[in-house]
Amino acid sequence: MKEIRILSATGILGSGFREETLKRGMALSPDFIGADSGSTDPGPYYLGSGETLFSDSAYKRDLRLILLAARAAKIPAIIGSACTSGSDAQLERLLGIAHEIAREEGLHFRLAAIHSEQDKGYLKRRLREGRIKPLANAPALDENVIDRSAHIVGMAGIEPFIEALQNGAEVIIAGRSSDTSIFSAMPVMKGINPATVWHAAKILECGAACVVMRRYPDCMFATVSDGSFVIEPPNPEYRCDPASVASHNLYENSTPYILVEPSGVLNTEAAKYEAVSDRAVRVSGSTFMPAGRYTIKLEGAELAGYQTIIIGGVRDPVILRQFDSWLEGLTRAAKDRIRAVFGADIESKYRFDVRVYGRDATMGLLEPVRALGHEVGLLFQVTAQTQALATAVMKSVSHIAVHYPVPEWTGLITSIAYPYSPAEIDRGACYRFNMNHVVEPDTPLEMFRIDYRQV
């Protein structure tokens, strides 16, 4: 039977895995090792700023073990979405770490670097041609949005990975890519049923996240053939069952049945999940519909401003009985004070937000339970054009907030407990995502440059 054996090292490079688990996975003779290295889950800051979710030390620890294992077994190592968002600078950062490891360990290999950051001139041309289309709830996109974006990346499909493998790459480190493409490229290249491959890849891309009660990040192993795949954790402390594997289809998806990729759509409605042991699950029955038009998803981030925050707690039952009117009055008084200090034209230069922890800070207006507990936490946030302005505005807020009165008390009160001194905390630059669109390229490879290096 034609099959591919896949070892997923971890859900995201830098989050860790047990070295012993990796050794157990290698004993199962995988055809390649894969690891995702990025996500939009941590928000737009990493794409906008170029900073990374984990430290270089964390990336180096994980990548060292992967490279040593892959080169010892003479199998490819495939890493996608380098250093969080997969911009060119982050890709070069992870490539530099790979070079360090090779020098220190005496490793030699053919390296492919897949660049995912997009040329703004190219995107403007495609926009004018009507070949950039919005997805659901997409913000408005024009050439000004493209110009003010700090970084824009395209989410690569399997084709750049296949191109690299066919050109003899032994290690592939890619910029932004579809998580599942990392694990789908080789099996599809080898002719395995795409439906089985893409479904297995969806489960593998998060490492051990599909186990029953994952306590720490770790490796996952799958054997993929045309008709089904079997997934089992190499860690003997972990186990999969049909529910834990099936439920992973909900992760990062609005539906557990549809997964859209550049080259087509995976449908898992007819999928069957069967326990083949007390630790392993066989999955079969999914379908894959090739796309009528090949598309690449864009991710862009732009500077939103600079932020200063204050954290405080309210425990006074008198205030909590009238909390909404008290907070409304406090907010109004704070804005009046800001206007008095900075002038009427300040309104267009800052934004003031308050989150109430203990009521609706997580879901906002979607929160169905509006009752307050015996205490709440307040997060005051000012976003302004400069860090100096954000901090100056928040200094006016902090004094108003800490002494804002209630009708029942005629004297001065202290209403909020601040845990820090000074209360104002500078957050620095903040960013926002500004795209939820797809591009229709002429070919699957035209948006991605591949460099080959002999390491």
Protein backbone atom coordinates (compact mmCIF):
# COMPACT_ATOMS: atom_id res chain seq x y z
CA MET A 1 0.00 0.00 0.00
CA LYS A 2 1.23 3.50 -0.89
CA GLU A 3 1.66 5.54 2.27
CA ILE A 4 3.52 8.51 3.77
CA ARG A 5 4.61 8.60 7.41
CA ILE A 6 4.69 12.08 8.95
CA LEU A 7 6.14 13.40 12.18
CA SER A 8 4.84 16.77 13.38
CA ALA A 9 7.36 18.12 15.90
CA THR A 10 5.09 20.60 17.67
CA GLY A 11 2.14 22.90 17.12
CA ILE A 12 4.34 25.98 16.75
CA LEU A 13 8.12 26.12 16.63
CA GLY A 14 9.46 27.70 19.80
CA SER A 15 6.66 26.40 22.02
CA GLY A 16 8.65 23.25 22.72
CA PHE A 17 8.32 19.48 22.67
CA ARG A 18 9.92 16.67 24.60
CA GLU A 19 13.21 15.48 23.18
CA GLU A 20 12.37 11.91 24.16
CA THR A 21 9.09 12.13 22.25
CA LEU A 22 10.92 13.26 19.13
CA LYS A 23 13.21 10.24 19.45
CA ARG A 24 10.19 7.94 19.75
CA GLY A 25 8.69 9.56 16.67
CA MET A 26 11.89 9.08 14.71
CA ALA A 27 11.89 5.39 15.63
CA LEU A 28 8.63 5.12 13.63
CA SER A 29 10.55 5.95 10.41
CA PRO A 30 8.86 9.15 9.20
CA ASP A 31 9.31 10.32 5.62
CA PHE A 32 9.73 13.92 6.80
CA ILE A 33 9.47 16.14 9.87
CA GLY A 34 7.22 19.20 9.74
CA ALA A 35 6.58 22.12 12.05
CA ASP A 36 4.52 25.27 11.78
CA SER A 37 6.28 28.36 13.14
CA GLY A 38 3.60 31.03 13.03
CA SER A 39 0.02 32.14 13.35
CA THR A 40 -2.27 35.17 13.32
CA ASP A 41 -3.60 34.04 16.72
CA PRO A 42 -1.29 36.40 18.68
CA GLY A 43 -2.65 39.36 16.72
CA PRO A 44 -1.29 41.90 14.23
CA TYR A 45 1.66 43.17 16.30
CA TYR A 46 4.11 40.55 15.05
CA LEU A 47 3.37 41.14 11.39
CA GLY A 48 3.43 44.90 11.83
CA SER A 49 6.52 45.21 14.03
CA GLY A 50 8.61 42.27 12.86
CA GLU A 51 9.04 41.05 16.44
CA THR A 52 8.65 37.33 17.19
CA LEU A 53 6.33 35.42 19.48
CA PHE A 54 9.17 33.41 21.05
CA SER A 55 12.82 34.12 21.82
CA ASP A 56 15.67 33.16 19.52
CA SER A 57 16.76 30.69 22.21
CA ALA A 58 13.39 28.94 22.08
CA TYR A 59 13.44 28.73 18.28
CA LYS A 60 17.03 27.49 18.30
CA ARG A 61 16.34 24.75 20.85
CA ASP A 62 13.44 23.31 18.83
CA LEU A 63 15.03 23.76 15.40
CA ARG A 64 18.32 22.20 16.55
CA LEU A 65 16.59 18.98 17.61
CA ILE A 66 14.56 18.86 14.38
CA LEU A 67 17.57 19.41 12.13
CA LEU A 68 19.72 16.89 13.97
CA ALA A 69 16.98 14.26 13.75
CA ALA A 70 16.17 14.96 10.09
CA ARG A 71 19.76 14.95 8.89
CA ALA A 72 20.59 11.79 10.86
CA ALA A 73 17.67 10.02 9.14
CA LYS A 74 18.33 11.74 5.78
CA ILE A 75 14.74 12.99 5.51
CA PRO A 76 13.48 16.52 4.80
CA ALA A 77 12.64 19.01 7.54
CA ILE A 78 9.88 21.46 6.54
CA ILE A 79 9.18 24.63 8.54
CA GLY A 80 6.48 27.15 7.61
CA SER A 81 5.43 30.68 8.69
CA ALA A 82 8.87 31.53 10.03
CA CYS A 83 9.06 33.32 13.38
CA THR A 84 5.32 34.10 13.76
CA SER A 85 4.10 36.04 10.71
CA GLY A 86 6.51 34.88 8.01
CA SER A 87 7.67 38.29 6.80
CA ASP A 88 10.99 38.46 4.98
CA ALA A 89 12.80 39.80 8.06
CA GLN A 90 11.42 37.01 10.23
CA LEU A 91 12.31 34.44 7.59
CA GLU A 92 15.90 35.71 7.55
CA ARG A 93 15.96 35.53 11.33
CA LEU A 94 15.07 31.84 11.34
CA LEU A 95 17.45 31.15 8.45
CA GLY A 96 20.21 32.76 10.49
CA ILE A 97 19.41 30.47 13.40
CA ALA A 98 19.54 27.46 11.06
CA HIS A 99 22.99 28.55 9.82
CA GLU A 100 24.19 28.89 13.44
CA ILE A 101 22.99 25.39 14.25
CA ALA A 102 24.66 23.96 11.13
CA ARG A 103 27.99 25.57 12.05
CA GLU A 104 27.82 24.41 15.66
CA GLU A 105 26.74 20.85 14.84
CA GLY A 106 28.74 20.33 11.64
CA LEU A 107 25.59 19.83 9.53
CA HIS A 108 25.51 20.14 5.75
CA PHE A 109 22.32 20.34 3.69
CA ARG A 110 20.59 21.98 0.72
CA LEU A 111 18.33 24.68 2.11
CA ALA A 112 15.33 26.24 0.37
CA ALA A 113 14.03 29.59 1.64
CA ILE A 114 10.50 30.47 0.48
CA HIS A 115 9.78 34.22 0.63
CA SER A 116 6.14 35.18 1.26
CA GLU A 117 6.33 38.96 1.71
CA GLN A 118 4.57 40.71 -1.16
CA ASP A 119 5.69 43.49 -3.46
CA LYS A 120 3.35 46.46 -3.09
CA GLY A 121 3.60 47.36 -6.77
CA TYR A 122 2.47 43.85 -7.72
CA LEU A 123 -0.50 44.06 -5.36
CA LYS A 124 -1.56 47.46 -6.66
CA ARG A 125 -1.49 46.09 -10.20
CA ARG A 126 -3.60 43.09 -9.24
CA LEU A 127 -6.02 45.38 -7.38
CA ARG A 128 -6.47 47.57 -10.47
CA GLU A 129 -7.06 44.41 -12.53
CA GLY A 130 -9.85 43.33 -10.18
CA ARG A 131 -7.90 40.25 -9.11
CA ILE A 132 -7.90 40.97 -5.38
CA LYS A 133 -11.23 39.94 -3.88
CA PRO A 134 -12.59 40.53 -0.34
CA LEU A 135 -13.46 37.67 1.99
CA ALA A 136 -16.22 37.85 4.59
CA ASN A 137 -16.22 41.05 6.68
CA ALA A 138 -13.14 42.35 4.90
CA PRO A 139 -12.11 45.98 5.52
CA ALA A 140 -12.01 48.37 2.58
CA LEU A 141 -8.89 47.92 0.46
CA ASP A 142 -7.34 50.51 -1.83
CA GLU A 143 -3.85 51.53 -2.86
CA ASN A 144 -3.50 53.76 0.20
CA VAL A 145 -4.05 50.75 2.47
CA ILE A 146 -1.35 48.87 0.59
CA ASP A 147 1.05 51.82 0.88
CA ARG A 148 0.63 52.30 4.63
CA SER A 149 0.96 48.60 5.45
CA ALA A 150 4.09 47.81 7.43
CA HIS A 151 4.25 44.30 5.96
CA ILE A 152 2.01 42.24 3.66
CA VAL A 153 2.44 38.49 3.30
CA GLY A 154 0.75 35.89 1.12
CA MET A 155 -0.21 32.53 2.60
CA ALA A 156 1.60 29.96 0.48
CA GLY A 157 -0.04 26.71 -0.55
CA ILE A 158 1.69 23.41 -1.26
CA GLU A 159 3.17 24.38 -4.61
CA PRO A 160 6.27 26.28 -3.38
CA PHE A 161 7.05 23.41 -0.99
CA ILE A 162 6.69 20.88 -3.80
CA GLU A 163 8.92 23.01 -6.04
CA ALA A 164 11.59 23.06 -3.32
CA LEU A 165 11.38 19.32 -2.71
CA GLN A 166 11.61 18.57 -6.42
CA ASN A 167 14.74 20.73 -6.57
CA GLY A 168 16.46 18.65 -3.92
CA ALA A 169 15.83 20.73 -0.80
CA GLU A 170 16.68 18.81 2.36
CA VAL A 171 15.57 21.61 4.67
CA ILE A 172 12.78 24.03 3.76
CA ILE A 173 12.15 27.17 5.79
CA ALA A 174 9.25 29.22 4.50
CA GLY A 175 7.71 32.57 5.18
CA ARG A 176 3.96 32.74 5.74
CA SER A 177 2.22 29.59 4.59
CA SER A 178 -0.93 27.64 5.14
CA ASP A 179 -0.37 25.50 8.24
CA THR A 180 -1.70 22.44 6.45
CA SER A 181 0.45 22.98 3.33
CA ILE A 182 3.57 22.19 5.37
CA PHE A 183 2.29 18.65 5.89
CA SER A 184 0.37 18.20 2.61
CA ALA A 185 3.07 19.04 0.08
CA MET A 186 5.08 15.82 0.09
CA PRO A 187 2.10 13.40 0.26
CA VAL A 188 0.31 15.21 -2.59
CA MET A 189 3.57 15.25 -4.57
CA LYS A 190 3.83 11.48 -4.03
CA GLY A 191 0.29 10.95 -5.35
CA ILE A 192 -1.61 10.26 -2.14
CA ASN A 193 -5.35 11.03 -2.19
CA PRO A 194 -5.59 14.81 -1.50
CA ALA A 195 -8.71 14.42 0.65
CA THR A 196 -6.94 12.11 3.08
CA VAL A 197 -3.79 14.21 2.98
CA TRP A 198 -5.41 17.57 3.71
CA HIS A 199 -7.48 16.16 6.56
CA ALA A 200 -4.42 14.53 8.13
CA ALA A 201 -2.52 17.80 7.73
CA LYS A 202 -5.25 19.72 9.52
CA ILE A 203 -4.84 17.43 12.53
CA LEU A 204 -1.03 17.34 12.39
CA GLU A 205 -0.37 21.07 12.10
CA CYS A 206 -0.99 21.65 15.81
CA GLY A 207 1.19 18.79 17.00
CA ALA A 208 -0.26 17.07 20.05
CA ALA A 209 -3.26 19.41 20.29
CA CYS A 210 -5.59 16.59 19.17
CA VAL A 211 -4.86 14.38 22.18
CA VAL A 212 -7.16 13.90 25.15
CA MET A 213 -6.16 16.64 27.62
CA ARG A 214 -2.87 17.99 26.27
CA ARG A 215 -0.81 19.24 29.21
CA TYR A 216 2.17 20.55 27.22
CA PRO A 217 3.13 20.90 23.54
CA ASP A 218 4.56 17.78 21.94
CA CYS A 219 4.93 15.70 18.78
CA MET A 220 2.28 13.87 16.74
CA PHE A 221 2.61 11.07 14.18
CA ALA A 222 0.39 10.04 11.27
CA THR A 223 0.49 7.32 8.64
CA VAL A 224 -1.36 8.54 5.55
CA SER A 225 -2.62 6.38 2.68
CA ASP A 226 -5.20 6.86 -0.06
CA GLY A 227 -8.18 5.60 1.92
CA SER A 228 -7.44 6.76 5.46
CA PHE A 229 -4.89 8.01 7.92
CA VAL A 230 -4.03 6.79 11.39
CA ILE A 231 -2.93 9.31 13.97
CA GLU A 232 -1.18 8.42 17.23
CA PRO A 233 0.97 10.39 19.70
CA PRO A 234 4.56 9.13 20.13
CA ASN A 235 4.41 10.28 23.75
CA PRO A 236 3.20 7.29 25.84
CA GLU A 237 1.58 9.69 28.32
CA TYR A 238 -0.80 10.93 25.64
CA ARG A 239 -3.65 9.27 23.77
CA CYS A 240 -6.11 10.16 21.04
CA ASP A 241 -9.73 9.13 20.85
CA PRO A 242 -12.28 9.78 18.07
CA ALA A 243 -13.77 12.80 19.86
CA SER A 244 -10.42 14.47 20.48
CA VAL A 245 -9.40 14.08 16.83
CA ALA A 246 -12.75 15.10 15.35
CA SER A 247 -13.07 18.13 17.60
CA HIS A 248 -9.76 19.52 16.35
CA ASN A 249 -11.50 20.41 13.08
CA LEU A 250 -13.18 23.24 15.01
CA TYR A 251 -9.89 24.83 15.97
CA GLU A 252 -9.38 28.11 14.06
CA ASN A 253 -12.42 27.27 11.89
CA SER A 254 -15.95 28.64 11.83
CA THR A 255 -17.17 25.19 10.78
CA PRO A 256 -15.75 21.72 11.52
CA TYR A 257 -16.60 20.55 8.00
CA ILE A 258 -15.01 22.99 5.54
CA LEU A 259 -11.34 23.91 5.22
CA VAL A 260 -10.45 26.28 2.38
CA GLU A 261 -6.96 26.07 0.92
CA PRO A 262 -5.40 27.87 -2.08
CA SER A 263 -5.88 24.84 -4.34
CA GLY A 264 -9.26 23.61 -3.13
CA VAL A 265 -11.68 22.84 -0.32
CA LEU A 266 -11.57 19.95 2.14
CA ASN A 267 -14.98 18.68 3.22
CA THR A 268 -15.12 16.46 6.33
CA GLU A 269 -18.91 16.05 6.64
CA ALA A 270 -18.73 12.34 5.75
CA ALA A 271 -15.55 11.68 7.71
CA LYS A 272 -15.47 8.62 9.95
CA TYR A 273 -13.37 8.45 13.14
CA GLU A 274 -12.59 5.01 14.53
CA ALA A 275 -10.44 4.00 17.49
CA VAL A 276 -7.90 1.41 16.37
CA SER A 277 -6.38 1.13 19.85
CA ASP A 278 -6.68 2.94 23.16
CA ARG A 279 -4.29 5.60 21.78
CA ALA A 280 -4.74 5.75 17.99
CA VAL A 281 -7.55 6.81 15.66
CA ARG A 282 -8.21 6.00 11.99
CA VAL A 283 -9.91 8.73 9.92
CA SER A 284 -11.52 8.18 6.52
CA GLY A 285 -14.29 9.48 4.27
CA SER A 286 -13.34 13.14 3.65
CA THR A 287 -13.52 14.69 0.18
CA PHE A 288 -11.48 17.37 -1.57
CA MET A 289 -12.81 19.64 -4.31
CA PRO A 290 -10.14 21.37 -6.43
CA ALA A 291 -10.56 25.14 -6.67
CA GLY A 292 -12.04 26.59 -9.83
CA ARG A 293 -9.69 29.53 -9.41
CA TYR A 294 -6.41 29.37 -7.48
CA THR A 295 -6.18 32.06 -4.78
CA ILE A 296 -3.66 33.24 -2.19
CA LYS A 297 -4.84 34.86 1.04
CA LEU A 298 -3.26 38.17 2.00
CA GLU A 299 -2.39 39.29 5.51
CA GLY A 300 -1.41 42.92 6.09
CA ALA A 301 -0.83 45.04 9.18
CA GLU A 302 -0.50 48.78 9.63
CA LEU A 303 0.43 51.06 12.51
CA ALA A 304 -2.67 51.97 14.54
CA GLY A 305 -0.89 54.26 17.00
CA TYR A 306 0.81 54.07 20.37
CA GLN A 307 -0.85 52.89 23.55
CA THR A 308 -0.75 53.59 27.26
CA ILE A 309 -2.88 51.58 29.69
CA ILE A 310 -3.93 51.66 33.33
CA ILE A 311 -5.08 48.58 35.24
CA GLY A 312 -7.29 49.04 38.30
CA GLY A 313 -9.76 47.20 40.48
CA VAL A 314 -13.08 48.24 41.98
CA ARG A 315 -14.35 46.45 45.12
CA ASP A 316 -16.67 49.04 46.69
CA PRO A 317 -20.25 47.66 46.75
CA VAL A 318 -21.70 51.20 46.63
CA ILE A 319 -19.95 51.84 43.30
CA LEU A 320 -20.83 48.40 41.95
CA ARG A 321 -24.54 48.97 42.64
CA GLN A 322 -24.48 51.85 40.17
CA PHE A 323 -21.53 50.75 38.12
CA ASP A 324 -22.79 51.62 34.64
CA SER A 325 -23.76 55.20 35.51
CA TRP A 326 -20.55 55.63 37.54
CA LEU A 327 -18.36 54.43 34.65
CA GLU A 328 -20.29 56.50 32.13
CA GLY A 329 -19.81 59.61 34.26
CA LEU A 330 -16.14 58.82 34.83
CA THR A 331 -15.56 58.42 31.09
CA ARG A 332 -17.34 61.69 30.35
CA ALA A 333 -15.37 63.54 33.03
CA ALA A 334 -12.07 62.10 31.76
CA LYS A 335 -12.78 63.22 28.21
CA ASP A 336 -13.79 66.69 29.44
CA ARG A 337 -10.50 66.94 31.33
CA ILE A 338 -8.50 65.81 28.29
CA ARG A 339 -10.23 68.44 26.15
CA ALA A 340 -9.53 71.15 28.75
CA VAL A 341 -5.83 70.24 28.96
CA PHE A 342 -5.06 69.57 25.30
CA GLY A 343 -7.63 71.68 23.44
CA ALA A 344 -10.64 70.89 21.28
CA ASP A 345 -8.57 69.52 18.39
CA ILE A 346 -7.38 66.59 20.58
CA GLU A 347 -10.49 64.58 19.64
CA SER A 348 -9.01 63.39 16.34
CA LYS A 349 -5.64 62.51 17.89
CA TYR A 350 -6.53 59.86 20.46
CA ARG A 351 -8.98 57.10 21.32
CA PHE A 352 -10.10 56.14 24.83
CA ASP A 353 -11.42 52.64 25.62
CA VAL A 354 -12.39 50.85 28.83
CA ARG A 355 -12.71 47.10 29.38
CA VAL A 356 -14.54 45.69 32.38
CA TYR A 357 -13.07 42.41 33.59
CA GLY A 358 -15.65 40.54 35.62
CA ARG A 359 -18.52 41.36 33.29
CA ASP A 360 -17.96 41.64 29.52
CA ALA A 361 -14.26 42.26 28.84
CA THR A 362 -13.91 39.09 26.76
CA MET A 363 -17.04 39.19 24.60
CA GLY A 364 -18.12 42.82 24.81
CA LEU A 365 -21.64 43.43 23.53
CA LEU A 366 -22.00 39.72 22.67
CA GLU A 367 -21.81 38.77 26.38
CA PRO A 368 -25.21 37.27 27.41
CA VAL A 369 -24.54 37.40 31.18
CA ARG A 370 -24.32 41.03 32.26
CA ALA A 371 -24.27 40.56 36.05
CA LEU A 372 -21.33 41.93 38.04
CA GLY A 373 -19.50 40.00 40.73
CA HIS A 374 -18.28 41.37 44.04
CA GLU A 375 -15.35 43.06 42.29
CA VAL A 376 -14.35 44.05 38.77
CA GLY A 377 -11.10 44.88 37.02
CA LEU A 378 -10.85 47.92 34.79
CA LEU A 379 -8.47 48.32 31.88
CA PHE A 380 -8.24 51.90 30.63
CA GLN A 381 -6.59 52.24 27.23
CA VAL A 382 -5.52 55.31 25.29
CA THR A 383 -4.37 54.99 21.68
CA ALA A 384 -2.77 58.10 20.21
CA GLN A 385 -0.54 59.28 17.38
CA THR A 386 2.59 59.23 19.54
CA GLN A 387 3.65 57.46 22.72
CA ALA A 388 4.22 60.81 24.46
CA LEU A 389 0.67 61.93 23.69
CA ALA A 390 -0.85 58.61 24.78
CA THR A 391 0.94 58.78 28.13
CA ALA A 392 0.13 62.46 28.67
CA VAL A 393 -3.55 61.85 27.99
CA MET A 394 -3.61 58.83 30.32
CA LYS A 395 -2.05 60.85 33.14
CA SER A 396 -5.11 63.08 33.01
CA VAL A 397 -7.38 60.02 33.06
CA SER A 398 -5.68 58.35 36.03
CA HIS A 399 -6.36 61.12 38.54
CA ILE A 400 -9.96 61.66 37.45
CA ALA A 401 -10.63 57.90 37.58
CA VAL A 402 -9.19 57.18 41.01
CA HIS A 403 -11.37 59.80 42.75
CA TYR A 404 -14.57 59.84 40.68
CA PRO A 405 -17.46 60.19 43.19
CA VAL A 406 -20.81 58.51 43.88
CA PRO A 407 -23.97 60.40 44.99
CA GLU A 408 -24.21 58.58 48.34
CA TRP A 409 -20.94 60.05 49.62
CA THR A 410 -20.33 63.77 50.06
CA GLY A 411 -16.58 63.62 50.63
CA LEU A 412 -13.59 62.55 48.59
CA ILE A 413 -13.41 58.84 47.74
CA THR A 414 -10.75 56.54 46.34
CA SER A 415 -12.70 54.34 43.98
CA ILE A 416 -10.07 52.33 42.13
CA ALA A 417 -7.08 50.35 43.42
CA TYR A 418 -4.08 50.62 41.11
CA PRO A 419 -1.64 47.70 41.45
CA TYR A 420 1.31 49.62 39.94
CA SER A 421 3.11 52.88 40.53
CA PRO A 422 3.14 54.73 38.25
CA ALA A 423 -0.30 53.60 37.19
CA GLU A 424 0.35 54.44 33.54
CA ILE A 425 2.00 51.62 31.54
CA ASP A 426 3.39 52.38 28.07
CA ARG A 427 2.63 49.61 25.56
CA GLY A 428 4.45 51.14 22.63
CA ALA A 429 3.41 50.79 19.00
CA CYS A 430 0.25 48.86 18.23
CA TYR A 431 -0.95 47.54 14.89
CA ARG A 432 -4.16 46.44 13.22
CA PHE A 433 -4.85 43.90 10.49
CA ASN A 434 -6.02 45.74 7.39
CA MET A 435 -6.71 42.95 4.90
CA ASN A 436 -8.93 39.92 4.62
CA HIS A 437 -8.61 39.37 0.89
CA VAL A 438 -7.39 36.86 -1.69
CA VAL A 439 -5.31 37.37 -4.82
CA GLU A 440 -5.84 35.49 -8.07
CA PRO A 441 -2.28 34.95 -9.39
CA ASP A 442 -1.41 33.68 -12.86
CA THR A 443 0.45 30.72 -11.33
CA PRO A 444 0.69 29.23 -7.81
CA LEU A 445 4.38 30.20 -7.65
CA GLU A 446 4.43 33.79 -8.90
CA MET A 447 3.94 35.37 -5.47
CA PHE A 448 6.71 33.35 -3.80
CA ARG A 449 10.44 33.59 -4.42
CA ILE A 450 12.53 30.51 -3.58
CA ASP A 451 16.23 30.84 -2.78
CA TYR A 452 18.48 27.79 -2.57
CA ARG A 453 21.57 27.72 -0.38
CA GLN A 454 24.15 25.09 0.32
CA VAL A 455 24.63 25.11 4.08
